[in-house]
Amino acid sequence: MSRQPYATFEEMQRRHPRELAVVGANEQSREIDRSRVEAALVDVSTEIRAILAARYTPDQLDRCDEDSLGVLTLFCIDMAMYRIALSNARSTEQIRERYDTAVKRLEGIAAGRGGLTFESGGSGSDGDGLSGSISPNEAVLTAPQRMFTRKRFGAI
């Protein structure tokens, strides 16, 4: 099953328009090689999932909330920019530092020194009554109503 990348070409272009124009340009046409950029975004998204697999399941990563997706998008853009720069032999120290920082932060999240938050199922699809975001370390219990209580036995 193919999963969507954490960032799109357009998001990358909005974030670093000048760098992408230099780093991602085709040698002959001088135009941004969109297919190379999109391939790098897919590869990096796979790498991000592999790093986070130490702590999160693929289902959890599919349910990341807006804040967590925003963070993963930033990491994806910085890591993809580095891969594109390397493939075109146009890397800079700044691009390398952003890549290293993104990988270190992802490894920190995977090790438990940070965390992602997720959208819960809500009461619509699975009827668990949960809503909003839950953190990966938050205990969430759902169980049927208790049959034997003090009230039912007349102890209260």
C-alpha atoms as a PDB file:
ATOM      1  CA  MET A   1       0.000   0.000   0.000  1.00  0.00           C
ATOM      2  CA  SER A   2       1.425   3.331  -1.068  1.00  0.00           C
ATOM      3  CA  ARG A   3       1.100   6.112   1.479  1.00  0.00           C
ATOM      4  CA  GLN A   4       1.005   9.826   0.753  1.00  0.00           C
ATOM      5  CA  PRO A   5       4.202  11.806   1.345  1.00  0.00           C
ATOM      6  CA  TYR A   6       4.219  14.147   4.316  1.00  0.00           C
ATOM      7  CA  ALA A   7       4.883  17.157   2.064  1.00  0.00           C
ATOM      8  CA  THR A   8       3.954  18.196  -1.451  1.00  0.00           C
ATOM      9  CA  PHE A   9       5.936  19.907  -4.169  1.00  0.00           C
ATOM     10  CA  GLU A  10       3.881  23.070  -3.649  1.00  0.00           C
ATOM     11  CA  GLU A  11       4.549  23.131   0.115  1.00  0.00           C
ATOM     12  CA  MET A  12       8.246  22.721  -0.514  1.00  0.00           C
ATOM     13  CA  GLN A  13       8.234  25.480  -3.113  1.00  0.00           C
ATOM     14  CA  ARG A  14       6.381  27.850  -0.749  1.00  0.00           C
ATOM     15  CA  ARG A  15       8.800  27.171   2.095  1.00  0.00           C
ATOM     16  CA  HIS A  16      12.099  27.449   0.184  1.00  0.00           C
ATOM     17  CA  PRO A  17      11.431  28.943  -3.268  1.00  0.00           C
ATOM     18  CA  ARG A  18      14.942  30.255  -3.965  1.00  0.00           C
ATOM     19  CA  GLU A  19      16.793  27.227  -2.630  1.00  0.00           C
ATOM     20  CA  LEU A  20      14.570  24.837  -4.539  1.00  0.00           C
ATOM     21  CA  ALA A  21      15.091  26.812  -7.751  1.00  0.00           C
ATOM     22  CA  VAL A  22      18.855  26.431  -7.354  1.00  0.00           C
ATOM     23  CA  VAL A  23      19.054  22.943  -5.860  1.00  0.00           C
ATOM     24  CA  GLY A  24      16.264  21.290  -7.832  1.00  0.00           C
ATOM     25  CA  ALA A  25      16.966  22.724 -11.272  1.00  0.00           C
ATOM     26  CA  ASN A  26      17.513  20.395 -14.197  1.00  0.00           C
ATOM     27  CA  GLU A  27      21.016  20.738 -15.606  1.00  0.00           C
ATOM     28  CA  GLN A  28      19.853  21.271 -19.203  1.00  0.00           C
ATOM     29  CA  SER A  29      16.576  23.188 -18.940  1.00  0.00           C
ATOM     30  CA  ARG A  30      17.310  25.128 -15.710  1.00  0.00           C
ATOM     31  CA  GLU A  31      13.691  24.438 -14.668  1.00  0.00           C
ATOM     32  CA  ILE A  32      12.844  22.739 -11.379  1.00  0.00           C
ATOM     33  CA  ASP A  33      12.759  18.989 -11.959  1.00  0.00           C
ATOM     34  CA  ARG A  34       9.377  18.311 -10.398  1.00  0.00           C
ATOM     35  CA  SER A  35       9.586  14.525 -10.750  1.00  0.00           C
ATOM     36  CA  ARG A  36      12.924  14.454  -8.900  1.00  0.00           C
ATOM     37  CA  VAL A  37      11.504  16.619  -6.104  1.00  0.00           C
ATOM     38  CA  GLU A  38       8.365  14.489  -5.751  1.00  0.00           C
ATOM     39  CA  ALA A  39      10.436  11.286  -5.737  1.00  0.00           C
ATOM     40  CA  ALA A  40      12.603  12.725  -2.948  1.00  0.00           C
ATOM     41  CA  LEU A  41       9.484  13.624  -0.926  1.00  0.00           C
ATOM     42  CA  VAL A  42       8.180  10.056  -1.250  1.00  0.00           C
ATOM     43  CA  ASP A  43      11.569   8.571  -0.297  1.00  0.00           C
ATOM     44  CA  VAL A  44      11.960  10.853   2.696  1.00  0.00           C
ATOM     45  CA  SER A  45       8.405  10.138   3.893  1.00  0.00           C
ATOM     46  CA  THR A  46       9.277   6.439   3.840  1.00  0.00           C
ATOM     47  CA  GLU A  47      12.434   7.200   5.815  1.00  0.00           C
ATOM     48  CA  ILE A  48      10.421   9.199   8.376  1.00  0.00           C
ATOM     49  CA  ARG A  49       7.988   6.303   8.808  1.00  0.00           C
ATOM     50  CA  ALA A  50      10.907   3.901   9.254  1.00  0.00           C
ATOM     51  CA  ILE A  51      12.444   6.064  11.994  1.00  0.00           C
ATOM     52  CA  LEU A  52       9.112   6.502  13.798  1.00  0.00           C
ATOM     53  CA  ALA A  53       8.289   2.775  13.508  1.00  0.00           C
ATOM     54  CA  ALA A  54      10.359   2.296  16.667  1.00  0.00           C
ATOM     55  CA  ARG A  55       7.488   3.880  18.586  1.00  0.00           C
ATOM     56  CA  TYR A  56       4.390   4.234  16.397  1.00  0.00           C
ATOM     57  CA  THR A  57       2.352   1.854  14.284  1.00  0.00           C
ATOM     58  CA  PRO A  58       1.478   2.714  10.672  1.00  0.00           C
ATOM     59  CA  ASP A  59      -2.152   3.188  11.779  1.00  0.00           C
ATOM     60  CA  GLN A  60      -1.107   5.733  14.396  1.00  0.00           C
ATOM     61  CA  LEU A  61       0.976   7.651  11.864  1.00  0.00           C
ATOM     62  CA  ASP A  62      -2.033   7.733   9.522  1.00  0.00           C
ATOM     63  CA  ARG A  63      -4.077   9.362  12.318  1.00  0.00           C
ATOM     64  CA  CYS A  64      -1.674  12.209  13.180  1.00  0.00           C
ATOM     65  CA  ASP A  65      -3.482  15.430  13.997  1.00  0.00           C
ATOM     66  CA  GLU A  66      -2.848  18.744  12.263  1.00  0.00           C
ATOM     67  CA  ASP A  67      -0.028  19.847  14.591  1.00  0.00           C
ATOM     68  CA  SER A  68       1.888  16.595  14.252  1.00  0.00           C
ATOM     69  CA  LEU A  69       1.415  16.563  10.487  1.00  0.00           C
ATOM     70  CA  GLY A  70       2.779  20.111  10.354  1.00  0.00           C
ATOM     71  CA  VAL A  71       5.927  19.025  12.172  1.00  0.00           C
ATOM     72  CA  LEU A  72       6.350  15.984   9.914  1.00  0.00           C
ATOM     73  CA  THR A  73       5.866  18.219   6.859  1.00  0.00           C
ATOM     74  CA  LEU A  74       8.704  20.502   7.995  1.00  0.00           C
ATOM     75  CA  PHE A  75      11.005  17.545   8.612  1.00  0.00           C
ATOM     76  CA  CYS A  76      10.056  16.048   5.248  1.00  0.00           C
ATOM     77  CA  ILE A  77      10.834  19.280   3.377  1.00  0.00           C
ATOM     78  CA  ASP A  78      14.224  19.734   5.067  1.00  0.00           C
ATOM     79  CA  MET A  79      15.222  16.123   4.495  1.00  0.00           C
ATOM     80  CA  ALA A  80      14.062  16.113   0.872  1.00  0.00           C
ATOM     81  CA  MET A  81      15.929  19.341   0.152  1.00  0.00           C
ATOM     82  CA  TYR A  82      19.122  17.670   1.363  1.00  0.00           C
ATOM     83  CA  ARG A  83      18.559  14.578  -0.811  1.00  0.00           C
ATOM     84  CA  ILE A  84      17.878  16.711  -3.874  1.00  0.00           C
ATOM     85  CA  ALA A  85      20.943  18.854  -3.183  1.00  0.00           C
ATOM     86  CA  LEU A  86      23.125  15.766  -2.855  1.00  0.00           C
ATOM     87  CA  SER A  87      21.812  14.219  -6.053  1.00  0.00           C
ATOM     88  CA  ASN A  88      22.642  17.422  -7.940  1.00  0.00           C
ATOM     89  CA  ALA A  89      25.942  18.041  -6.093  1.00  0.00           C
ATOM     90  CA  ARG A  90      24.615  21.398  -4.830  1.00  0.00           C
ATOM     91  CA  SER A  91      24.517  20.874  -1.088  1.00  0.00           C
ATOM     92  CA  THR A  92      25.251  23.682   1.362  1.00  0.00           C
ATOM     93  CA  GLU A  93      26.124  23.621   5.035  1.00  0.00           C
ATOM     94  CA  GLN A  94      22.736  25.146   5.918  1.00  0.00           C
ATOM     95  CA  ILE A  95      20.834  22.427   4.028  1.00  0.00           C
ATOM     96  CA  ARG A  96      22.971  19.749   5.736  1.00  0.00           C
ATOM     97  CA  GLU A  97      22.316  21.255   9.200  1.00  0.00           C
ATOM     98  CA  ARG A  98      18.546  21.324   8.630  1.00  0.00           C
ATOM     99  CA  TYR A  99      18.664  17.680   7.522  1.00  0.00           C
ATOM    100  CA  ASP A 100      20.704  16.631  10.583  1.00  0.00           C
ATOM    101  CA  THR A 101      18.357  18.529  12.897  1.00  0.00           C
ATOM    102  CA  ALA A 102      15.275  16.887  11.363  1.00  0.00           C
ATOM    103  CA  VAL A 103      16.747  13.390  11.702  1.00  0.00           C
ATOM    104  CA  LYS A 104      17.850  14.011  15.312  1.00  0.00           C
ATOM    105  CA  ARG A 105      14.397  15.286  16.260  1.00  0.00           C
ATOM    106  CA  LEU A 106      12.684  12.320  14.597  1.00  0.00           C
ATOM    107  CA  GLU A 107      15.011   9.944  16.435  1.00  0.00           C
ATOM    108  CA  GLY A 108      14.203  11.801  19.662  1.00  0.00           C
ATOM    109  CA  ILE A 109      10.477  11.383  19.059  1.00  0.00           C
ATOM    110  CA  ALA A 110      11.007   7.688  18.326  1.00  0.00           C
ATOM    111  CA  ALA A 111      13.007   7.340  21.564  1.00  0.00           C
ATOM    112  CA  GLY A 112      10.273   9.006  23.630  1.00  0.00           C
ATOM    113  CA  ARG A 113      11.916  12.403  24.152  1.00  0.00           C
ATOM    114  CA  GLY A 114       9.022  13.984  22.303  1.00  0.00           C
ATOM    115  CA  GLY A 115       5.775  12.800  20.858  1.00  0.00           C
ATOM    116  CA  LEU A 116       3.134  13.047  18.212  1.00  0.00           C
ATOM    117  CA  THR A 117      -0.563  13.510  18.863  1.00  0.00           C
ATOM    118  CA  PHE A 118      -3.368  11.804  17.015  1.00  0.00           C
ATOM    119  CA  GLU A 119      -6.948  12.299  15.998  1.00  0.00           C
ATOM    120  CA  SER A 120      -9.120   9.790  17.780  1.00  0.00           C
ATOM    121  CA  GLY A 121     -11.881   7.869  16.064  1.00  0.00           C
ATOM    122  CA  GLY A 122     -14.648  10.005  17.585  1.00  0.00           C
ATOM    123  CA  SER A 123     -18.188   8.812  18.209  1.00  0.00           C
ATOM    124  CA  GLY A 124     -19.068   8.673  14.527  1.00  0.00           C
ATOM    125  CA  SER A 125     -17.263   5.695  13.037  1.00  0.00           C
ATOM    126  CA  ASP A 126     -16.512   3.283  15.846  1.00  0.00           C
ATOM    127  CA  GLY A 127     -18.795   4.585  18.583  1.00  0.00           C
ATOM    128  CA  ASP A 128     -16.164   4.806  21.308  1.00  0.00           C
ATOM    129  CA  GLY A 129     -17.259   8.294  22.355  1.00  0.00           C
ATOM    130  CA  LEU A 130     -13.748   9.726  22.159  1.00  0.00           C
ATOM    131  CA  SER A 131     -13.104  13.044  20.513  1.00  0.00           C
ATOM    132  CA  GLY A 132     -10.203  15.362  19.873  1.00  0.00           C
ATOM    133  CA  SER A 133      -6.550  14.406  20.093  1.00  0.00           C
ATOM    134  CA  ILE A 134      -4.896  11.854  22.302  1.00  0.00           C
ATOM    135  CA  SER A 135      -1.211  11.547  23.011  1.00  0.00           C
ATOM    136  CA  PRO A 136       0.606   8.246  22.572  1.00  0.00           C
ATOM    137  CA  ASN A 137       1.246   7.963  26.327  1.00  0.00           C
ATOM    138  CA  GLU A 138      -2.314   8.702  27.396  1.00  0.00           C
ATOM    139  CA  ALA A 139      -4.313   5.760  28.674  1.00  0.00           C
ATOM    140  CA  VAL A 140      -7.689   5.497  26.988  1.00  0.00           C
ATOM    141  CA  LEU A 141     -10.081   2.884  28.265  1.00  0.00           C
ATOM    142  CA  THR A 142     -13.380   1.869  26.794  1.00  0.00           C
ATOM    143  CA  ALA A 143     -15.453  -0.847  28.374  1.00  0.00           C
ATOM    144  CA  PRO A 144     -19.065  -1.917  28.645  1.00  0.00           C
ATOM    145  CA  GLN A 145     -21.139  -0.584  31.521  1.00  0.00           C
ATOM    146  CA  ARG A 146     -20.613  -2.481  34.789  1.00  0.00           C
ATOM    147  CA  MET A 147     -23.300  -5.010  35.583  1.00  0.00           C
ATOM    148  CA  PHE A 148     -22.690  -5.458  39.318  1.00  0.00           C
ATOM    149  CA  THR A 149     -22.593  -2.180  41.185  1.00  0.00           C
ATOM    150  CA  ARG A 150     -23.370  -1.203  44.767  1.00  0.00           C
ATOM    151  CA  LYS A 151     -26.416   0.680  43.597  1.00  0.00           C
ATOM    152  CA  ARG A 152     -27.857  -2.354  41.817  1.00  0.00           C
ATOM    153  CA  PHE A 153     -27.341  -4.528  44.889  1.00  0.00           C
ATOM    154  CA  GLY A 154     -29.010  -1.918  47.091  1.00  0.00           C
ATOM    155  CA  ALA A 155     -25.873  -1.227  49.137  1.00  0.00           C
ATOM    156  CA  ILE A 156     -26.224   2.519  48.755  1.00  0.00           C
END
